[in-house]
Amino acid sequence: MNINDFYNKLQKKEKILIIAAIICVLMLLMDLLVLGPILAEQKVLDAEIDAKSQAIKRSIRVLSYKDSILREYRQYQHYLDSGEKAQEEIIADLLREIESIAAAMSINITNVQPGDVEGNPIMQEYKTTLECNGKLRNMLEFMQALEDSDFLFRITQYLLEPKGKNSDVINASLSMSRIFITNDGETEDEIGVEVMPAEVPMTTGGQNKTVPIPSEEET
């Protein structure tokens, strides 16, 4: 018995069911072989577009903070060692700042001795030993001014004693340090944010296409 004889013996309802089954099988094969790969590639493309969109939004958000970032950078820039100055120049700047604060507080410096420079790849610590004298109130204000200055000196050890039996002048010996954070050499002009383009190239179906990225308002 061939297929035609078998088909001719079927009733009308059975023929309809067989035709419907064949159509379902063909549609399933079409979905697996044609529509499935297309839809899968579309999902990948949508995911890439979404990832690029989120990256652009983050870049725009950071750019909106650029002015405040630069202000903060300028505020702390003098705490960074850019490597442009030799250690001798840095030490000379520190000593000038100490002398300037001492003069403003009516403190007489009798001896100042730069100490060791200790450091690692992250920071450099410049140590200084200072001998000075002045009235007790002025001396305390001087010590406070050192630690409150833009140079952020840190007094690690001190010794205070009267200059004489009935004198109101205090002799002081101060050990202090200042820490510089090692900068990677990046200047203010080099601070920036990489912003992604408004259109992103995508590859789909073996062809290169340019896909526009939706703006934040559109999303």
N, C-alpha and C. Protein backbone atom coordinates (compact mmCIF):
# COMPACT_ATOMS: atom_id res chain seq x y z
N MET A 1 0.86 -1.19 0.00
CA MET A 1 0.00 0.00 0.00
C MET A 1 0.90 1.24 0.00
N ASN A 2 0.67 2.10 -1.01
CA ASN A 2 1.46 3.32 -1.06
C ASN A 2 0.78 4.44 -0.30
N ILE A 3 1.44 5.59 -0.28
CA ILE A 3 0.94 6.72 0.51
C ILE A 3 -0.37 7.24 -0.05
N ASN A 4 -0.51 7.26 -1.39
CA ASN A 4 -1.74 7.77 -2.00
C ASN A 4 -2.94 6.91 -1.61
N ASP A 5 -2.76 5.57 -1.66
CA ASP A 5 -3.87 4.69 -1.29
C ASP A 5 -4.25 4.89 0.18
N PHE A 6 -3.21 5.03 1.02
CA PHE A 6 -3.48 5.24 2.44
C PHE A 6 -4.23 6.55 2.67
N TYR A 7 -3.79 7.60 1.94
CA TYR A 7 -4.42 8.91 2.11
C TYR A 7 -5.87 8.91 1.60
N ASN A 8 -6.10 8.20 0.48
CA ASN A 8 -7.46 8.18 -0.11
C ASN A 8 -8.45 7.43 0.78
N LYS A 9 -7.97 6.49 1.57
CA LYS A 9 -8.86 5.72 2.43
C LYS A 9 -9.23 6.48 3.71
N LEU A 10 -8.51 7.58 3.97
CA LEU A 10 -8.79 8.34 5.19
C LEU A 10 -10.08 9.13 5.05
N GLN A 11 -10.72 9.33 6.19
CA GLN A 11 -11.90 10.18 6.19
C GLN A 11 -11.48 11.65 6.13
N LYS A 12 -12.46 12.51 5.87
CA LYS A 12 -12.17 13.92 5.68
C LYS A 12 -11.52 14.54 6.92
N LYS A 13 -12.04 14.21 8.11
CA LYS A 13 -11.49 14.77 9.34
C LYS A 13 -10.05 14.30 9.56
N GLU A 14 -9.78 13.04 9.22
CA GLU A 14 -8.43 12.51 9.39
C GLU A 14 -7.45 13.20 8.45
N LYS A 15 -7.94 13.46 7.21
CA LYS A 15 -7.08 14.17 6.25
C LYS A 15 -6.74 15.58 6.77
N ILE A 16 -7.74 16.25 7.35
CA ILE A 16 -7.51 17.61 7.87
C ILE A 16 -6.49 17.58 9.02
N LEU A 17 -6.61 16.57 9.88
CA LEU A 17 -5.67 16.45 11.01
C LEU A 17 -4.24 16.21 10.53
N ILE A 18 -4.11 15.36 9.49
CA ILE A 18 -2.77 15.09 8.97
C ILE A 18 -2.16 16.34 8.34
N ILE A 19 -2.98 17.06 7.57
CA ILE A 19 -2.49 18.29 6.95
C ILE A 19 -2.08 19.31 8.02
N ALA A 20 -2.91 19.42 9.07
CA ALA A 20 -2.59 20.35 10.16
C ALA A 20 -1.29 19.95 10.86
N ALA A 21 -1.10 18.63 11.04
CA ALA A 21 0.12 18.16 11.69
C ALA A 21 1.34 18.47 10.85
N ILE A 22 1.20 18.27 9.51
CA ILE A 22 2.33 18.57 8.61
C ILE A 22 2.66 20.06 8.66
N ILE A 23 1.61 20.90 8.66
CA ILE A 23 1.84 22.35 8.73
C ILE A 23 2.55 22.73 10.03
N CYS A 24 2.14 22.11 11.14
CA CYS A 24 2.79 22.41 12.44
C CYS A 24 4.26 22.02 12.43
N VAL A 25 4.55 20.84 11.83
CA VAL A 25 5.94 20.39 11.76
C VAL A 25 6.77 21.36 10.92
N LEU A 26 6.21 21.81 9.78
CA LEU A 26 6.92 22.75 8.92
C LEU A 26 7.17 24.08 9.64
N MET A 27 6.17 24.54 10.38
CA MET A 27 6.34 25.80 11.13
C MET A 27 7.40 25.65 12.21
N LEU A 28 7.41 24.46 12.87
CA LEU A 28 8.41 24.23 13.90
C LEU A 28 9.81 24.22 13.30
N LEU A 29 9.97 23.57 12.15
CA LEU A 29 11.27 23.55 11.48
C LEU A 29 11.69 24.96 11.06
N MET A 30 10.73 25.74 10.57
CA MET A 30 11.05 27.11 10.16
C MET A 30 11.50 27.94 11.36
N ASP A 31 10.85 27.71 12.51
CA ASP A 31 11.23 28.45 13.72
C ASP A 31 12.64 28.07 14.16
N LEU A 32 12.95 26.77 14.10
CA LEU A 32 14.26 26.31 14.54
C LEU A 32 15.37 26.74 13.59
N LEU A 33 15.11 26.67 12.30
CA LEU A 33 16.16 26.90 11.31
C LEU A 33 16.28 28.35 10.85
N VAL A 34 15.18 29.12 10.92
CA VAL A 34 15.19 30.48 10.38
C VAL A 34 14.93 31.52 11.46
N LEU A 35 13.75 31.45 12.06
CA LEU A 35 13.36 32.49 13.02
C LEU A 35 14.21 32.44 14.29
N GLY A 36 14.55 31.23 14.76
CA GLY A 36 15.32 31.10 15.99
C GLY A 36 16.64 31.84 15.96
N PRO A 37 17.50 31.58 14.96
CA PRO A 37 18.77 32.31 14.89
C PRO A 37 18.60 33.82 14.76
N ILE A 38 17.58 34.24 13.98
CA ILE A 38 17.36 35.68 13.81
C ILE A 38 16.98 36.33 15.14
N LEU A 39 16.05 35.69 15.87
CA LEU A 39 15.62 36.25 17.15
C LEU A 39 16.75 36.23 18.18
N ALA A 40 17.56 35.16 18.16
CA ALA A 40 18.69 35.09 19.10
C ALA A 40 19.69 36.21 18.83
N GLU A 41 19.97 36.45 17.54
CA GLU A 41 20.90 37.52 17.19
C GLU A 41 20.32 38.88 17.56
N GLN A 42 19.01 39.03 17.42
CA GLN A 42 18.37 40.29 17.80
C GLN A 42 18.49 40.54 19.30
N LYS A 43 18.35 39.46 20.10
CA LYS A 43 18.49 39.61 21.55
C LYS A 43 19.91 40.04 21.91
N VAL A 44 20.91 39.44 21.25
CA VAL A 44 22.29 39.83 21.51
C VAL A 44 22.52 41.29 21.14
N LEU A 45 21.96 41.70 20.00
CA LEU A 45 22.10 43.08 19.55
C LEU A 45 21.44 44.04 20.53
N ASP A 46 20.25 43.68 21.01
CA ASP A 46 19.56 44.53 21.99
C ASP A 46 20.37 44.65 23.28
N ALA A 47 20.98 43.54 23.70
CA ALA A 47 21.79 43.57 24.93
C ALA A 47 23.01 44.47 24.75
N GLU A 48 23.64 44.41 23.57
CA GLU A 48 24.79 45.27 23.31
C GLU A 48 24.39 46.74 23.31
N ILE A 49 23.26 47.04 22.68
CA ILE A 49 22.78 48.42 22.64
C ILE A 49 22.49 48.92 24.05
N ASP A 50 21.87 48.08 24.87
CA ASP A 50 21.55 48.48 26.24
C ASP A 50 22.83 48.73 27.04
N ALA A 51 23.84 47.86 26.85
CA ALA A 51 25.11 48.04 27.57
C ALA A 51 25.79 49.34 27.16
N LYS A 52 25.80 49.62 25.85
CA LYS A 52 26.41 50.86 25.37
C LYS A 52 25.64 52.08 25.89
N SER A 53 24.32 51.97 25.93
CA SER A 53 23.51 53.09 26.42
C SER A 53 23.82 53.39 27.88
N GLN A 54 23.94 52.34 28.69
CA GLN A 54 24.25 52.54 30.10
C GLN A 54 25.64 53.15 30.28
N ALA A 55 26.59 52.72 29.44
CA ALA A 55 27.95 53.27 29.53
C ALA A 55 27.95 54.76 29.18
N ILE A 56 27.17 55.13 28.17
CA ILE A 56 27.09 56.55 27.78
C ILE A 56 26.45 57.36 28.90
N LYS A 57 25.40 56.84 29.51
CA LYS A 57 24.75 57.56 30.61
C LYS A 57 25.73 57.79 31.76
N ARG A 58 26.54 56.76 32.07
CA ARG A 58 27.52 56.92 33.15
C ARG A 58 28.56 57.98 32.79
N SER A 59 29.00 57.97 31.52
CA SER A 59 29.99 58.96 31.09
C SER A 59 29.42 60.37 31.18
N ILE A 60 28.18 60.54 30.73
CA ILE A 60 27.55 61.86 30.79
C ILE A 60 27.39 62.31 32.24
N ARG A 61 27.05 61.37 33.12
CA ARG A 61 26.87 61.72 34.54
C ARG A 61 28.20 62.18 35.14
N VAL A 62 29.29 61.47 34.81
CA VAL A 62 30.60 61.86 35.33
C VAL A 62 31.03 63.21 34.76
N LEU A 63 30.76 63.42 33.46
CA LEU A 63 31.11 64.70 32.84
C LEU A 63 30.39 65.86 33.52
N SER A 64 29.16 65.61 33.98
CA SER A 64 28.42 66.68 34.64
C SER A 64 29.08 67.08 35.96
N TYR A 65 29.93 66.18 36.51
CA TYR A 65 30.64 66.48 37.75
C TYR A 65 32.06 66.98 37.49
N LYS A 66 32.40 67.23 36.22
CA LYS A 66 33.79 67.54 35.89
C LYS A 66 34.29 68.77 36.62
N ASP A 67 33.48 69.85 36.65
CA ASP A 67 33.92 71.08 37.30
C ASP A 67 34.20 70.86 38.78
N SER A 68 33.30 70.13 39.45
CA SER A 68 33.52 69.88 40.88
C SER A 68 34.73 68.98 41.10
N ILE A 69 34.95 68.03 40.18
CA ILE A 69 36.13 67.16 40.29
C ILE A 69 37.40 67.99 40.16
N LEU A 70 37.42 68.92 39.20
CA LEU A 70 38.60 69.76 39.01
C LEU A 70 38.83 70.68 40.21
N ARG A 71 37.74 71.18 40.80
CA ARG A 71 37.89 72.02 41.99
C ARG A 71 38.52 71.22 43.13
N GLU A 72 38.04 69.99 43.32
CA GLU A 72 38.61 69.14 44.36
C GLU A 72 40.07 68.82 44.06
N TYR A 73 40.36 68.59 42.78
CA TYR A 73 41.74 68.28 42.40
C TYR A 73 42.67 69.45 42.72
N ARG A 74 42.22 70.67 42.37
CA ARG A 74 43.05 71.85 42.65
C ARG A 74 43.23 72.06 44.16
N GLN A 75 42.18 71.71 44.93
CA GLN A 75 42.24 71.90 46.38
C GLN A 75 43.32 71.01 47.01
N TYR A 76 43.47 69.80 46.48
CA TYR A 76 44.42 68.86 47.07
C TYR A 76 45.69 68.68 46.24
N GLN A 77 45.83 69.50 45.20
CA GLN A 77 46.95 69.32 44.29
C GLN A 77 48.29 69.51 44.99
N HIS A 78 48.34 70.45 45.96
CA HIS A 78 49.63 70.71 46.61
C HIS A 78 49.98 69.61 47.62
N TYR A 79 49.10 68.62 47.81
CA TYR A 79 49.47 67.47 48.63
C TYR A 79 50.10 66.36 47.78
N LEU A 80 50.15 66.58 46.47
CA LEU A 80 50.66 65.56 45.57
C LEU A 80 52.08 65.89 45.15
N ASP A 81 52.88 64.86 45.04
CA ASP A 81 54.25 65.01 44.54
C ASP A 81 54.24 64.60 43.07
N SER A 82 54.26 65.59 42.20
CA SER A 82 54.18 65.31 40.76
C SER A 82 55.50 64.81 40.20
N GLY A 83 56.55 64.87 41.00
CA GLY A 83 57.86 64.44 40.53
C GLY A 83 58.61 65.51 39.77
N GLU A 84 58.01 66.71 39.64
CA GLU A 84 58.67 67.79 38.90
C GLU A 84 59.75 68.48 39.73
N LYS A 85 59.64 68.40 41.07
CA LYS A 85 60.62 69.05 41.93
C LYS A 85 61.56 68.02 42.54
N ALA A 86 62.81 68.43 42.70
CA ALA A 86 63.77 67.59 43.40
C ALA A 86 63.48 67.65 44.90
N GLN A 87 64.00 66.67 45.63
CA GLN A 87 63.77 66.64 47.08
C GLN A 87 64.29 67.90 47.75
N GLU A 88 65.41 68.44 47.25
CA GLU A 88 65.96 69.66 47.84
C GLU A 88 65.00 70.83 47.70
N GLU A 89 64.32 70.91 46.56
CA GLU A 89 63.35 72.00 46.35
C GLU A 89 62.15 71.83 47.26
N ILE A 90 61.68 70.60 47.41
CA ILE A 90 60.54 70.35 48.29
C ILE A 90 60.88 70.71 49.73
N ILE A 91 62.07 70.30 50.17
CA ILE A 91 62.49 70.60 51.55
C ILE A 91 62.61 72.11 51.74
N ALA A 92 63.14 72.82 50.74
CA ALA A 92 63.26 74.28 50.85
C ALA A 92 61.89 74.93 50.97
N ASP A 93 60.90 74.43 50.22
CA ASP A 93 59.54 74.97 50.32
C ASP A 93 58.96 74.73 51.71
N LEU A 94 59.21 73.54 52.27
CA LEU A 94 58.71 73.24 53.61
C LEU A 94 59.32 74.17 54.65
N LEU A 95 60.61 74.39 54.55
CA LEU A 95 61.28 75.26 55.52
C LEU A 95 60.79 76.70 55.41
N ARG A 96 60.56 77.16 54.18
CA ARG A 96 60.03 78.52 54.01
C ARG A 96 58.65 78.65 54.63
N GLU A 97 57.82 77.61 54.48
CA GLU A 97 56.48 77.66 55.06
C GLU A 97 56.55 77.68 56.59
N ILE A 98 57.45 76.88 57.16
CA ILE A 98 57.61 76.86 58.62
C ILE A 98 58.06 78.23 59.11
N GLU A 99 59.02 78.83 58.43
CA GLU A 99 59.52 80.15 58.83
C GLU A 99 58.44 81.21 58.70
N SER A 100 57.62 81.10 57.66
CA SER A 100 56.54 82.07 57.46
C SER A 100 55.51 81.99 58.59
N ILE A 101 55.13 80.77 58.96
CA ILE A 101 54.16 80.61 60.05
C ILE A 101 54.76 81.07 61.37
N ALA A 102 56.04 80.76 61.59
CA ALA A 102 56.70 81.18 62.84
C ALA A 102 56.73 82.70 62.94
N ALA A 103 57.04 83.38 61.85
CA ALA A 103 57.08 84.84 61.87
C ALA A 103 55.70 85.42 62.17
N ALA A 104 54.65 84.81 61.61
CA ALA A 104 53.29 85.30 61.84
C ALA A 104 52.87 85.11 63.28
N MET A 105 53.44 84.11 63.97
CA MET A 105 53.06 83.81 65.35
C MET A 105 54.08 84.35 66.36
N SER A 106 55.01 85.18 65.90
CA SER A 106 56.03 85.78 66.77
C SER A 106 56.87 84.72 67.46
N ILE A 107 57.25 83.71 66.71
CA ILE A 107 58.10 82.64 67.22
C ILE A 107 59.49 82.79 66.59
N ASN A 108 60.50 82.69 67.43
CA ASN A 108 61.88 82.82 66.97
C ASN A 108 62.48 81.44 66.76
N ILE A 109 62.88 81.15 65.53
CA ILE A 109 63.49 79.85 65.21
C ILE A 109 65.00 79.95 65.43
N THR A 110 65.52 79.07 66.26
CA THR A 110 66.96 79.07 66.55
C THR A 110 67.71 78.00 65.76
N ASN A 111 67.01 76.95 65.40
CA ASN A 111 67.68 75.89 64.63
C ASN A 111 66.61 75.06 63.92
N VAL A 112 66.85 74.75 62.68
CA VAL A 112 65.95 73.88 61.93
C VAL A 112 66.80 72.88 61.17
N GLN A 113 66.44 71.63 61.28
CA GLN A 113 67.25 70.57 60.69
C GLN A 113 66.37 69.61 59.88
N PRO A 114 66.50 69.64 58.56
CA PRO A 114 65.75 68.66 57.76
C PRO A 114 66.19 67.25 58.12
N GLY A 115 65.22 66.36 58.21
CA GLY A 115 65.52 64.98 58.59
C GLY A 115 65.48 64.05 57.40
N ASP A 116 65.24 62.79 57.70
CA ASP A 116 65.21 61.77 56.65
C ASP A 116 63.95 61.91 55.81
N VAL A 117 64.04 61.38 54.62
CA VAL A 117 62.88 61.26 53.74
C VAL A 117 62.57 59.78 53.60
N GLU A 118 61.42 59.40 54.12
CA GLU A 118 61.01 58.00 54.05
C GLU A 118 59.85 57.88 53.08
N GLY A 119 59.85 56.83 52.31
CA GLY A 119 58.78 56.73 51.33
C GLY A 119 58.59 55.33 50.79
N ASN A 120 57.57 55.22 49.99
CA ASN A 120 57.24 53.99 49.28
C ASN A 120 56.57 54.41 47.97
N PRO A 121 56.15 53.49 47.14
CA PRO A 121 55.54 53.89 45.86
C PRO A 121 54.30 54.75 46.00
N ILE A 122 53.69 54.81 47.19
CA ILE A 122 52.45 55.55 47.37
C ILE A 122 52.69 56.95 47.91
N MET A 123 53.65 57.11 48.83
CA MET A 123 53.82 58.41 49.47
C MET A 123 55.27 58.62 49.88
N GLN A 124 55.59 59.91 50.16
CA GLN A 124 56.89 60.31 50.66
C GLN A 124 56.67 61.12 51.94
N GLU A 125 57.42 60.79 53.00
CA GLU A 125 57.30 61.50 54.27
C GLU A 125 58.59 62.28 54.53
N TYR A 126 58.45 63.61 54.61
CA TYR A 126 59.59 64.50 54.85
C TYR A 126 59.58 64.89 56.33
N LYS A 127 60.68 64.59 57.02
CA LYS A 127 60.77 64.86 58.46
C LYS A 127 61.65 66.08 58.71
N THR A 128 61.29 66.83 59.76
CA THR A 128 62.02 68.04 60.12
C THR A 128 62.07 68.17 61.63
N THR A 129 63.22 68.60 62.15
CA THR A 129 63.37 68.89 63.57
C THR A 129 63.59 70.39 63.73
N LEU A 130 62.86 70.98 64.67
CA LEU A 130 62.85 72.43 64.81
C LEU A 130 63.06 72.81 66.27
N GLU A 131 63.95 73.77 66.49
CA GLU A 131 64.14 74.36 67.82
C GLU A 131 63.77 75.83 67.73
N CYS A 132 62.95 76.28 68.68
CA CYS A 132 62.46 77.65 68.62
C CYS A 132 62.08 78.11 70.01
N ASN A 133 61.75 79.39 70.13
CA ASN A 133 61.31 79.91 71.42
C ASN A 133 60.30 81.02 71.19
N GLY A 134 59.51 81.28 72.22
CA GLY A 134 58.48 82.30 72.17
C GLY A 134 57.58 82.17 73.38
N LYS A 135 56.64 83.06 73.50
CA LYS A 135 55.72 82.99 74.62
C LYS A 135 54.84 81.75 74.50
N LEU A 136 54.40 81.25 75.66
CA LEU A 136 53.65 80.00 75.68
C LEU A 136 52.42 80.06 74.78
N ARG A 137 51.65 81.13 74.88
CA ARG A 137 50.44 81.24 74.07
C ARG A 137 50.80 81.23 72.58
N ASN A 138 51.83 82.00 72.23
CA ASN A 138 52.25 82.04 70.83
C ASN A 138 52.77 80.68 70.36
N MET A 139 53.45 79.97 71.26
CA MET A 139 53.99 78.67 70.89
C MET A 139 52.87 77.67 70.61
N LEU A 140 51.86 77.68 71.46
CA LEU A 140 50.73 76.77 71.24
C LEU A 140 49.98 77.11 69.95
N GLU A 141 49.83 78.41 69.69
CA GLU A 141 49.17 78.83 68.45
C GLU A 141 50.03 78.47 67.24
N PHE A 142 51.34 78.55 67.39
CA PHE A 142 52.26 78.17 66.31
C PHE A 142 52.13 76.68 65.98
N MET A 143 52.09 75.86 67.01
CA MET A 143 51.95 74.41 66.79
C MET A 143 50.61 74.08 66.13
N GLN A 144 49.56 74.77 66.56
CA GLN A 144 48.25 74.55 65.96
C GLN A 144 48.23 75.01 64.50
N ALA A 145 48.87 76.16 64.24
CA ALA A 145 48.89 76.69 62.88
C ALA A 145 49.65 75.78 61.93
N LEU A 146 50.70 75.13 62.43
CA LEU A 146 51.44 74.19 61.59
C LEU A 146 50.54 73.05 61.11
N GLU A 147 49.77 72.50 62.03
CA GLU A 147 48.92 71.36 61.68
C GLU A 147 47.68 71.78 60.90
N ASP A 148 47.30 73.07 61.00
CA ASP A 148 46.13 73.55 60.27
C ASP A 148 46.49 74.16 58.92
N SER A 149 47.77 74.28 58.63
CA SER A 149 48.19 74.93 57.38
C SER A 149 47.88 74.04 56.18
N ASP A 150 47.97 74.64 54.99
CA ASP A 150 47.76 73.88 53.77
C ASP A 150 48.79 72.77 53.60
N PHE A 151 49.94 72.92 54.26
CA PHE A 151 50.98 71.90 54.17
C PHE A 151 50.68 70.71 55.07
N LEU A 152 49.72 70.87 56.00
CA LEU A 152 49.30 69.78 56.88
C LEU A 152 50.49 69.11 57.57
N PHE A 153 51.32 69.93 58.21
CA PHE A 153 52.40 69.36 59.01
C PHE A 153 51.81 68.53 60.15
N ARG A 154 52.52 67.48 60.51
CA ARG A 154 52.08 66.65 61.64
C ARG A 154 53.20 66.63 62.67
N ILE A 155 52.90 67.18 63.85
CA ILE A 155 53.89 67.20 64.92
C ILE A 155 53.89 65.84 65.60
N THR A 156 55.00 65.14 65.49
CA THR A 156 55.09 63.77 66.02
C THR A 156 55.66 63.73 67.43
N GLN A 157 56.43 64.77 67.80
CA GLN A 157 57.03 64.79 69.14
C GLN A 157 57.40 66.23 69.48
N TYR A 158 57.24 66.60 70.74
CA TYR A 158 57.62 67.96 71.13
C TYR A 158 58.06 67.98 72.59
N LEU A 159 58.87 68.98 72.90
CA LEU A 159 59.35 69.20 74.26
C LEU A 159 59.31 70.69 74.54
N LEU A 160 58.59 71.08 75.59
CA LEU A 160 58.47 72.49 75.98
C LEU A 160 59.07 72.67 77.37
N GLU A 161 59.87 73.73 77.52
CA GLU A 161 60.43 74.03 78.84
C GLU A 161 60.70 75.53 78.93
N PRO A 162 60.57 76.09 80.14
CA PRO A 162 60.80 77.54 80.30
C PRO A 162 62.24 77.90 79.94
N LYS A 163 62.40 79.08 79.35
CA LYS A 163 63.73 79.54 79.00
C LYS A 163 64.53 79.93 80.23
N GLY A 164 63.85 80.47 81.22
CA GLY A 164 64.50 80.85 82.47
C GLY A 164 63.55 80.64 83.64
N LYS A 165 64.07 80.86 84.84
CA LYS A 165 63.28 80.58 86.04
C LYS A 165 62.03 81.45 86.10
N ASN A 166 62.17 82.72 85.84
CA ASN A 166 61.03 83.64 85.92
C ASN A 166 60.63 84.16 84.54
N SER A 167 61.02 83.47 83.50
CA SER A 167 60.75 83.93 82.14
C SER A 167 59.42 83.38 81.64
N ASP A 168 58.73 84.20 80.84
CA ASP A 168 57.50 83.73 80.22
C ASP A 168 57.75 83.21 78.81
N VAL A 169 59.03 83.09 78.46
CA VAL A 169 59.41 82.57 77.15
C VAL A 169 59.66 81.06 77.25
N ILE A 170 59.17 80.34 76.26
CA ILE A 170 59.27 78.88 76.24
C ILE A 170 60.26 78.45 75.16
N ASN A 171 61.17 77.55 75.53
CA ASN A 171 62.00 76.88 74.54
C ASN A 171 61.27 75.61 74.08
N ALA A 172 61.26 75.39 72.79
CA ALA A 172 60.54 74.23 72.26
C ALA A 172 61.42 73.47 71.28
N SER A 173 61.28 72.16 71.33
CA SER A 173 61.91 71.29 70.34
C SER A 173 60.79 70.46 69.70
N LEU A 174 60.63 70.62 68.40
CA LEU A 174 59.52 69.98 67.70
C LEU A 174 60.05 69.03 66.63
N SER A 175 59.48 67.87 66.59
CA SER A 175 59.73 66.93 65.49
C SER A 175 58.44 66.85 64.68
N MET A 176 58.54 67.07 63.39
CA MET A 176 57.34 67.10 62.56
C MET A 176 57.61 66.42 61.23
N SER A 177 56.53 66.15 60.54
CA SER A 177 56.66 65.53 59.23
C SER A 177 55.54 66.04 58.33
N ARG A 178 55.79 65.90 57.04
CA ARG A 178 54.75 66.20 56.07
C ARG A 178 54.75 65.10 55.02
N ILE A 179 53.56 64.63 54.68
CA ILE A 179 53.43 63.52 53.73
C ILE A 179 52.97 64.05 52.38
N PHE A 180 53.68 63.63 51.35
CA PHE A 180 53.29 63.89 49.97
C PHE A 180 52.78 62.58 49.37
N ILE A 181 51.64 62.65 48.71
CA ILE A 181 51.13 61.48 47.98
C ILE A 181 51.77 61.48 46.61
N THR A 182 52.31 60.34 46.22
CA THR A 182 52.96 60.24 44.92
C THR A 182 51.94 60.31 43.81
N ASN A 183 52.11 61.28 42.93
CA ASN A 183 51.21 61.45 41.79
C ASN A 183 51.76 60.66 40.61
N ASP A 184 50.86 60.20 39.74
CA ASP A 184 51.30 59.45 38.57
C ASP A 184 51.72 60.36 37.42
N GLY A 185 51.79 61.68 37.70
CA GLY A 185 52.21 62.60 36.66
C GLY A 185 51.08 63.19 35.86
N GLU A 186 49.85 62.81 36.16
CA GLU A 186 48.70 63.32 35.41
C GLU A 186 48.42 64.75 35.84
N THR A 187 48.29 65.64 34.89
CA THR A 187 48.01 67.03 35.17
C THR A 187 46.52 67.29 35.12
N GLU A 188 46.16 68.51 35.52
CA GLU A 188 44.73 68.86 35.53
C GLU A 188 44.13 68.78 34.14
N ASP A 189 44.92 69.20 33.12
CA ASP A 189 44.40 69.18 31.75
C ASP A 189 44.18 67.76 31.24
N GLU A 190 44.87 66.79 31.87
CA GLU A 190 44.75 65.41 31.41
C GLU A 190 43.61 64.67 32.08
N ILE A 191 42.99 65.31 33.08
CA ILE A 191 41.87 64.67 33.75
C ILE A 191 40.67 64.75 32.83
N GLY A 192 40.09 63.64 32.52
CA GLY A 192 38.94 63.65 31.62
C GLY A 192 38.20 62.34 31.68
N VAL A 193 37.12 62.29 30.93
CA VAL A 193 36.29 61.10 30.89
C VAL A 193 36.10 60.71 29.44
N GLU A 194 36.30 59.46 29.15
CA GLU A 194 36.08 58.98 27.80
C GLU A 194 34.58 58.86 27.55
N VAL A 195 34.09 59.61 26.58
CA VAL A 195 32.67 59.60 26.26
C VAL A 195 32.45 58.77 25.01
N MET A 196 31.50 57.87 25.06
CA MET A 196 31.25 56.99 23.95
C MET A 196 30.47 57.74 22.87
N PRO A 197 30.59 57.34 21.60
CA PRO A 197 29.89 58.03 20.52
C PRO A 197 28.40 57.81 20.60
N ALA A 198 27.66 58.71 19.92
CA ALA A 198 26.20 58.61 19.92
C ALA A 198 25.72 57.47 19.05
N GLU A 199 26.58 56.98 18.16
CA GLU A 199 26.24 55.83 17.34
C GLU A 199 27.30 54.77 17.53
N VAL A 200 26.88 53.53 17.65
CA VAL A 200 27.79 52.44 17.94
C VAL A 200 27.75 51.43 16.81
N PRO A 201 28.91 51.05 16.25
CA PRO A 201 28.91 50.05 15.19
C PRO A 201 28.58 48.67 15.73
N MET A 202 27.70 47.97 15.05
CA MET A 202 27.31 46.61 15.42
C MET A 202 27.46 45.72 14.19
N THR A 203 27.67 44.44 14.43
CA THR A 203 27.75 43.47 13.35
C THR A 203 26.59 42.50 13.50
N THR A 204 25.76 42.42 12.48
CA THR A 204 24.62 41.51 12.51
C THR A 204 24.41 40.94 11.12
N GLY A 205 24.18 39.65 11.09
CA GLY A 205 23.96 38.99 9.81
C GLY A 205 25.15 39.08 8.88
N GLY A 206 26.38 39.20 9.49
CA GLY A 206 27.57 39.29 8.66
C GLY A 206 27.80 40.66 8.07
N GLN A 207 26.96 41.65 8.42
CA GLN A 207 27.09 42.99 7.88
C GLN A 207 27.33 43.98 9.01
N ASN A 208 28.15 44.99 8.72
CA ASN A 208 28.42 46.04 9.69
C ASN A 208 27.34 47.11 9.60
N LYS A 209 26.76 47.45 10.73
CA LYS A 209 25.72 48.47 10.78
C LYS A 209 26.03 49.47 11.87
N THR A 210 25.54 50.68 11.71
CA THR A 210 25.69 51.71 12.74
C THR A 210 24.35 51.90 13.41
N VAL A 211 24.33 51.65 14.72
CA VAL A 211 23.09 51.69 15.48
C VAL A 211 23.08 52.93 16.35
N PRO A 212 22.09 53.82 16.22
CA PRO A 212 22.03 55.01 17.08
C PRO A 212 21.69 54.62 18.51
N ILE A 213 22.36 55.27 19.46
CA ILE A 213 22.10 55.01 20.87
C ILE A 213 21.03 55.97 21.35
N PRO A 214 19.98 55.47 21.99
CA PRO A 214 18.93 56.37 22.46
C PRO A 214 19.44 57.28 23.56
N SER A 215 18.94 58.51 23.57
CA SER A 215 19.34 59.46 24.61
C SER A 215 18.66 59.10 25.90
N GLU A 216 19.12 59.77 26.99
CA GLU A 216 18.56 59.47 28.31
C GLU A 216 17.09 59.83 28.37
N GLU A 217 16.68 60.90 27.62
CA GLU A 217 15.27 61.27 27.63
C GLU A 217 14.42 60.21 26.94
N GLU A 218 14.99 59.58 25.87
CA GLU A 218 14.23 58.59 25.14
C GLU A 218 14.05 57.32 25.92
N THR A 219 15.01 57.05 26.85
CA THR A 219 14.92 55.84 27.64
C THR A 219 14.14 56.07 28.91
